[in-house]
Protein backbone atom coordinates (compact mmCIF):
# COMPACT_ATOMS: atom_id res chain seq x y z
CA MET A 1 73.54 96.54 92.83
CA GLY A 2 73.49 96.61 96.62
CA SER A 3 76.26 94.03 96.93
CA TYR A 4 78.26 95.84 94.27
CA LEU A 5 78.02 99.13 96.19
CA LEU A 6 79.05 97.43 99.43
CA ARG A 7 82.04 95.86 97.68
CA ARG A 8 83.06 99.21 96.20
CA LEU A 9 82.67 100.96 99.56
CA GLY A 10 84.88 98.30 101.13
CA GLN A 11 87.51 98.89 98.46
CA ALA A 12 87.23 102.64 99.05
CA ALA A 13 87.87 102.13 102.77
CA VAL A 14 90.99 100.10 101.96
CA VAL A 15 92.24 102.84 99.62
CA LEU A 16 91.73 105.53 102.28
CA TRP A 17 93.48 103.42 104.92
CA ALA A 18 96.39 102.79 102.55
CA ALA A 19 96.66 106.51 101.74
CA PHE A 20 96.75 107.36 105.43
CA THR A 21 99.30 104.67 106.25
CA VAL A 22 101.66 105.41 103.36
CA SER A 23 101.61 109.15 104.06
CA PHE A 24 102.27 108.50 107.76
CA VAL A 25 105.25 106.25 107.05
CA ILE A 26 106.77 108.56 104.42
CA LEU A 27 106.44 111.64 106.60
CA TYR A 28 108.19 109.96 109.52
CA MET A 29 110.95 108.74 107.20
CA LEU A 30 111.78 112.29 106.08
CA PRO A 31 114.94 113.75 107.56
CA GLY A 32 114.40 116.44 110.16
CA ASP A 33 112.16 116.91 113.16
CA PRO A 34 108.84 118.82 112.99
CA VAL A 35 109.29 120.14 116.52
CA ALA A 36 112.82 121.35 115.78
CA ILE A 37 111.57 123.05 112.61
CA MET A 38 108.84 124.82 114.58
CA LEU A 39 111.23 126.04 117.26
CA ASN A 40 113.95 126.96 114.77
CA PRO A 41 112.18 128.45 111.70
CA GLY A 42 114.43 129.11 108.77
CA GLY A 43 117.29 127.16 110.31
CA GLN A 44 118.65 130.11 112.27
CA ALA A 45 120.40 127.76 114.72
CA THR A 46 119.09 129.68 117.75
CA TYR A 47 119.17 128.23 121.24
CA VAL A 48 116.12 126.18 122.18
CA ASP A 49 115.20 125.48 125.79
CA PRO A 50 115.13 121.66 126.19
CA ALA A 51 112.22 121.94 128.62
CA ALA A 52 110.20 123.97 126.12
CA GLU A 53 111.03 121.50 123.37
CA ALA A 54 109.94 118.56 125.54
CA ALA A 55 106.71 120.31 126.48
CA LEU A 56 105.88 121.06 122.83
CA ARG A 57 106.72 117.50 121.80
CA ALA A 58 104.38 116.16 124.48
CA GLU A 59 101.64 118.60 123.46
CA LEU A 60 101.81 117.44 119.85
CA GLY A 61 102.03 113.77 120.82
CA PHE A 62 105.48 113.21 119.33
CA ASP A 63 106.81 111.88 122.64
CA LYS A 64 104.78 108.68 122.30
CA PRO A 65 105.95 105.49 120.53
CA LEU A 66 105.50 105.59 116.76
CA ILE A 67 102.91 102.80 116.67
CA GLU A 68 100.85 104.57 119.32
CA GLN A 69 101.00 107.82 117.34
CA TYR A 70 99.81 105.92 114.25
CA PHE A 71 96.74 104.39 115.87
CA THR A 72 95.89 107.58 117.73
CA ARG A 73 95.87 109.57 114.48
CA LEU A 74 94.07 106.80 112.60
CA VAL A 75 91.22 106.59 115.12
CA ALA A 76 90.91 110.38 115.15
CA ALA A 77 90.85 110.51 111.33
CA VAL A 78 88.07 107.90 111.19
CA GLN A 79 86.07 110.20 113.48
CA GLY A 80 86.69 113.15 111.17
CA ASP A 81 89.36 114.79 113.33
CA PHE A 82 92.55 115.43 111.37
CA GLY A 83 94.20 117.23 114.25
CA THR A 84 95.78 120.66 114.46
CA SER A 85 98.29 122.15 112.06
CA ILE A 86 101.79 122.28 113.52
CA ARG A 87 102.57 125.44 111.54
CA THR A 88 99.50 127.57 112.20
CA GLY A 89 97.90 126.02 115.27
CA GLU A 90 94.54 125.94 113.46
CA PRO A 91 92.42 122.80 113.01
CA VAL A 92 93.35 121.07 109.77
CA LEU A 93 89.74 120.98 108.58
CA ASP A 94 89.46 124.75 109.00
CA SER A 95 92.57 125.31 106.90
CA LEU A 96 91.30 122.90 104.26
CA GLY A 97 87.91 124.61 104.25
CA GLY A 98 89.59 127.90 103.41
CA ALA A 99 91.89 126.55 100.70
CA LEU A 100 89.78 123.83 99.05
CA PRO A 101 87.21 126.04 97.22
CA GLU A 102 89.89 127.76 95.12
CA THR A 103 91.52 124.46 94.19
CA LEU A 104 88.13 122.95 93.31
CA LYS A 105 87.48 125.90 91.00
CA LEU A 106 90.80 125.32 89.26
CA ALA A 107 90.40 121.53 89.08
CA SER A 108 86.80 121.78 87.80
CA ALA A 109 87.66 124.37 85.15
CA SER A 110 90.69 122.39 83.96
CA LEU A 111 88.70 119.13 83.92
CA LEU A 112 85.90 120.70 81.87
CA LEU A 113 88.47 122.14 79.47
CA ALA A 114 90.30 118.80 79.24
CA ILE A 115 87.14 116.82 78.43
CA THR A 116 85.97 119.39 75.88
CA LEU A 117 89.32 119.64 74.11
CA GLY A 118 90.00 115.91 74.28
CA MET A 119 86.61 114.86 72.92
CA THR A 120 86.62 117.52 70.19
CA LEU A 121 90.10 116.61 68.97
CA ALA A 122 89.48 112.85 69.07
CA LEU A 123 86.10 113.08 67.32
CA THR A 124 87.41 115.45 64.66
CA ALA A 125 90.57 113.45 63.97
CA THR A 126 88.85 110.07 63.66
CA PHE A 127 86.08 111.51 61.49
CA MET A 128 88.48 112.92 58.88
CA ARG A 129 88.83 110.91 55.67
CA ALA A 130 92.11 112.55 54.64
CA ARG A 131 94.88 110.46 56.18
CA TRP A 132 97.42 113.30 56.39
CA LEU A 133 94.99 115.53 58.26
CA ARG A 134 93.95 112.73 60.62
CA GLU A 135 97.58 111.91 61.43
CA ALA A 136 98.42 115.59 61.91
CA LEU A 137 95.60 115.99 64.44
CA LEU A 138 96.51 112.77 66.24
CA SER A 139 100.11 113.95 66.61
CA LEU A 140 99.02 116.87 68.81
CA PRO A 141 98.19 114.90 72.01
CA PRO A 142 101.67 113.32 72.39
CA LEU A 143 103.20 116.76 71.89
CA ALA A 144 100.96 118.31 74.57
CA ILE A 145 101.70 115.50 77.03
CA SER A 146 105.46 115.89 76.58
CA LEU A 147 105.46 119.58 77.53
CA PRO A 148 106.29 120.22 81.22
CA GLY A 149 103.43 121.90 83.06
CA PHE A 150 105.60 124.56 84.67
CA TRP A 151 107.09 125.48 81.26
CA VAL A 152 103.62 125.81 79.70
CA GLY A 153 102.57 128.01 82.60
CA LEU A 154 105.60 130.27 82.24
CA MET A 155 105.08 130.61 78.47
CA LEU A 156 101.41 131.51 78.93
CA LEU A 157 102.39 134.10 81.54
CA GLN A 158 105.03 135.59 79.25
CA VAL A 159 102.69 135.90 76.25
CA PHE A 160 99.21 136.57 77.63
CA SER A 161 100.01 138.34 80.91
CA PHE A 162 103.29 140.19 80.54
CA GLY A 163 103.14 140.58 76.75
CA LEU A 164 99.49 141.15 75.81
CA GLY A 165 98.14 141.93 79.27
CA TRP A 166 94.94 139.98 78.65
CA PHE A 167 94.95 138.05 81.92
CA PRO A 168 96.33 138.71 85.40
CA ALA A 169 99.62 137.00 86.13
CA PHE A 170 99.06 136.12 89.77
CA GLY A 171 96.41 135.70 92.43
CA ASN A 172 92.79 134.59 92.70
CA ASP A 173 91.10 137.73 91.42
CA GLY A 174 87.95 136.63 89.56
CA VAL A 175 87.35 134.44 86.52
CA ALA A 176 90.09 136.07 84.46
CA SER A 177 92.75 134.85 86.88
CA LEU A 178 91.46 131.29 86.42
CA VAL A 179 91.90 131.13 82.63
CA LEU A 180 95.66 130.62 82.31
CA PRO A 181 95.96 128.17 85.25
CA ALA A 182 93.05 126.11 83.86
CA ILE A 183 94.71 125.98 80.42
CA THR A 184 98.06 125.02 81.97
CA LEU A 185 96.47 122.16 83.88
CA GLY A 186 93.80 121.19 81.35
CA VAL A 187 95.74 120.92 78.08
CA PRO A 188 98.01 117.98 79.04
CA THR A 189 95.05 116.24 80.68
CA GLY A 190 92.91 116.81 77.61
CA ALA A 191 95.68 115.30 75.49
CA VAL A 192 95.43 112.07 77.50
CA VAL A 193 91.66 111.99 76.99
CA ALA A 194 92.14 112.63 73.25
CA GLN A 195 94.66 109.80 72.90
CA VAL A 196 92.53 107.23 74.71
CA LEU A 197 89.28 108.24 73.01
CA ALA A 198 90.85 108.41 69.54
CA ASN A 199 92.29 104.89 69.90
CA SER A 200 88.95 103.58 71.12
CA LEU A 201 87.04 105.34 68.32
CA GLY A 202 89.41 103.95 65.70
CA ALA A 203 88.95 100.41 67.00
CA THR A 204 85.17 100.80 67.24
CA TRP A 205 84.90 101.99 63.62
CA ARG A 206 86.19 98.57 62.58
CA GLN A 207 83.43 96.71 64.41
CA PRO A 208 80.76 94.88 62.33
CA PHE A 209 77.83 96.88 63.77
CA VAL A 210 79.22 100.01 62.09
CA GLU A 211 78.92 98.40 58.67
CA VAL A 212 75.38 97.33 59.55
CA ALA A 213 74.43 100.87 60.55
CA ARG A 214 75.92 102.30 57.36
CA ALA A 215 74.12 99.66 55.28
CA LYS A 216 70.82 100.78 56.84
CA GLY A 217 71.42 104.29 55.54
CA VAL A 218 72.63 105.95 58.73
CA SER A 219 74.78 108.95 57.87
CA ARG A 220 78.48 108.83 58.61
CA LEU A 221 78.22 111.75 61.02
CA ARG A 222 75.36 110.18 62.98
CA THR A 223 77.16 106.84 63.06
CA HIS A 224 80.25 108.59 64.40
CA LEU A 225 78.56 110.72 67.06
CA VAL A 226 75.91 108.27 68.26
CA HIS A 227 76.80 104.64 67.62
CA VAL A 228 80.61 104.71 67.56
CA LEU A 229 81.07 107.29 70.34
CA ARG A 230 78.73 105.50 72.73
CA ASN A 231 80.57 102.20 72.35
CA ALA A 232 83.99 103.84 72.53
CA ALA A 233 83.29 105.94 75.62
CA ILE A 234 84.03 103.35 78.35
CA PRO A 235 87.86 103.66 78.32
CA SER A 236 87.56 107.45 78.32
CA LEU A 237 85.24 107.36 81.34
CA THR A 238 87.87 105.34 83.18
CA ILE A 239 90.50 107.92 82.28
CA VAL A 240 88.28 110.74 83.53
CA GLY A 241 88.17 109.04 86.92
CA LEU A 242 91.95 108.81 86.97
CA ILE A 243 92.68 112.36 85.82
CA VAL A 244 90.74 113.80 88.74
CA GLY A 245 93.62 112.66 90.93
CA SER A 246 96.18 114.05 88.49
CA SER A 247 94.33 117.37 88.40
CA LEU A 248 94.57 117.69 92.18
CA ALA A 249 98.26 116.74 92.07
CA GLY A 250 98.93 119.13 89.19
CA ALA A 251 97.33 121.95 91.16
CA VAL A 252 100.42 121.96 93.40
CA VAL A 253 102.64 123.05 90.49
CA VAL A 254 100.09 125.33 88.85
CA GLU A 255 99.14 127.19 92.02
CA THR A 256 102.83 127.74 92.70
CA VAL A 257 103.51 129.11 89.20
CA TYR A 258 100.53 131.48 89.34
CA SER A 259 100.84 132.30 93.07
CA ARG A 260 97.30 131.14 93.72
CA SER A 261 96.17 130.38 97.23
CA GLY A 262 94.74 126.87 97.47
CA VAL A 263 95.42 123.30 98.46
CA GLY A 264 98.56 123.14 96.31
CA ARG A 265 100.36 125.92 98.11
CA LEU A 266 99.03 124.67 101.43
CA LEU A 267 100.53 121.24 100.71
CA GLN A 268 103.82 122.76 99.59
CA GLY A 269 104.23 124.63 102.86
CA ALA A 270 103.09 121.67 104.94
CA VAL A 271 105.62 119.30 103.35
CA ALA A 272 108.44 121.84 103.66
CA GLU A 273 107.85 122.16 107.40
CA GLN A 274 106.81 118.53 107.97
CA ASP A 275 103.36 119.54 109.16
CA ILE A 276 102.26 115.92 109.52
CA PRO A 277 98.57 116.50 110.44
CA MET A 278 98.12 118.94 107.56
CA VAL A 279 99.78 116.68 104.99
CA GLN A 280 97.75 113.67 106.08
CA GLY A 281 94.56 115.71 105.97
CA LEU A 282 95.36 116.84 102.43
CA VAL A 283 96.23 113.30 101.35
CA LEU A 284 92.98 111.91 102.76
CA VAL A 285 90.86 114.65 101.18
CA SER A 286 92.49 113.95 97.80
CA ALA A 287 91.96 110.22 98.28
CA VAL A 288 88.29 110.76 99.13
CA ALA A 289 87.81 112.87 95.99
CA PHE A 290 89.52 110.20 93.89
CA VAL A 291 87.42 107.39 95.38
CA VAL A 292 84.11 109.25 95.04
CA VAL A 293 84.74 110.21 91.41
CA ASN A 294 85.75 106.68 90.46
CA LEU A 295 82.65 105.30 92.19
CA LEU A 296 80.49 107.71 90.18
CA VAL A 297 82.27 106.66 87.00
CA ASP A 298 81.62 102.99 87.78
CA LEU A 299 77.93 103.73 88.31
CA THR A 300 77.86 105.56 84.96
CA TYR A 301 79.11 102.54 82.99
CA PRO A 302 75.69 100.79 82.80
CA LEU A 303 74.10 104.01 81.49
CA VAL A 304 76.57 104.10 78.62
CA ASP A 305 76.63 100.36 77.93
CA PRO A 306 73.79 98.27 79.52
CA ARG A 307 75.68 95.09 78.60
CA ILE A 308 78.05 95.76 81.53
CA THR A 309 75.38 94.94 84.11
CA THR A 310 74.41 91.87 82.11
CA ARG A 311 77.99 90.61 82.11
CA ARG A 312 78.26 91.24 85.83
CA ARG A 313 75.12 89.21 86.51
CA VAL A 314 76.36 86.38 84.34
CA GLY A 315 79.78 86.49 86.05
CA ALA A 316 78.14 86.51 89.47
C-alpha cells in the first residue's frame, strides 16, 4: 500500500505540473496584453504614459523573458504562493478563500443530488421486470445529458422563481438560493451516473453468482441491492471521481446564470481580463480537488471489492 500511495502521489504531482504548464502556455497565447487591459479598462483607448506602463510591467514581472516568468511562477506555486491578482491587487489565495466556500456548497449539493438521483434511477430501472417501463426509465438519462445547462437553468428560473416564486432567482441568500443551481448542475451529472451504473447493473445480473444466490433462496430485492450493486459499483465510483472536475467546471456557467458569487464568476472575470496569477491559482485548486477525490476513490475500491488488492499483489 505504501508503494501504491507513493506512485499515486507522483502521478498527482505530474498532473498538477501539467495543469500549471498548460494554463501558463494558453494564457500567454491569448491575444491582448494584461498590462494594457489594466491601464485601459473597457477599451476606452485613453492615453497611457509609457513610463507608467513600463513600471507596472516590471512590477508584475512581465518584463522578464517568458521562460524566466514560467520558472519564477512555478517555484512560487510549489511554495504555496500563487501571486497577486492583476485585477484587484489582492493575494490570489485570499480571493480564492473568499470565493471557494460558496462554490464548494454548490458543488457538494449538486454532487449529492447527482449520486442520489443516478443511483435511484439506475436501481429502479434495472429492477423492473416490465420491459417497457425499464426502457422508459433508461431513456431519461440520455435526454437529461443532451439538455444544455444554461437552458435548464433559465427554464428553472422562469418556472420556479419568476412564475411560482418558490425560490430566489439570484444571489447566495441561504439554502433556498442553492436549490435551483444544484438541480441545474446535478441533473445532467446524475444522468451520467445513472447510465454508467445501469449498464454495469445489467451486465452484473447476467453473472453466474446471481443465479447461485437466487438458487439459495435470496430474494430478488436483496440480490439486487446487496450482491449485484456491490459488484457493479466500481465503474460508478470511477465516474464519481471524474464528475467532481465537471462539477467545478459547470459551476462557471451555473454561477453566471444565477448571479452567484463564487469561483465560477471569479474565473470568468479573471479570464476576461487575462489575470494570469488568478487563473493559474484557480486551475491549480481545481486540479488539486480532482486529484484528491480520485485518490480517495482509488482507496475506496478495495473496500467495495477486496479482489482488487489481490489482483494488484499478483500483478506486482
